[in-house]
């Protein structure tokens, strides 16, 4: 004699069928599969975050490289400032670029000179315009705001608060080498910013 449950095609409560166990096995498998996939995605997405957080710890401190300006003898008998261009390698994050910056090699005994030769940044210390040498007047004249500088880069008249910035130089294998640096504008003294 069949019970009411069996007549309706159902099992007694508490009895498990093989179909139910297979279904639970499938659910368990898919839950494991989703969990492993989520863990893998989390690990893959966390790699850039970990690199970003640890980059400053392992970053190399790159100082400004030395650039060659030419033979030392080329600048031995300067009468007027000579314009030269140096290649500057810059690293911004993972991007490397090379830019060219104008400088002037001139006679002078200001801080940073070597055997009476010095290299001046062509950037005006007032607001950062490029300052050209004017052979007619015999001085550097800023085209933006009219600051004037002597052939050795010293300030003649403002609005600039200091003379043109000298750059570090050295002699290497009879070549004049310069290390280009950036200086903060609008200060009465020279302050390196990069």
Foldseek 3Di string as FASTA:
>chain_A
DDDPQVVVVHDDPVDDDPVVVVVVVVVVVVVVVVVVVVVVVVVVVCVVVVCVVCVVVPPDDDAFDKWFFFFLVVLPDDPFKDKTKTWTWDDDPPDIDIDIFIKIWAADDDPQADPRIWIFGQFQLAPGAGWDQDPVVQWTFGPPPTWTAHRRQAGDDDPFLGGTDIFHWDADPRTIITGDFDFHHPDNDTDTDD
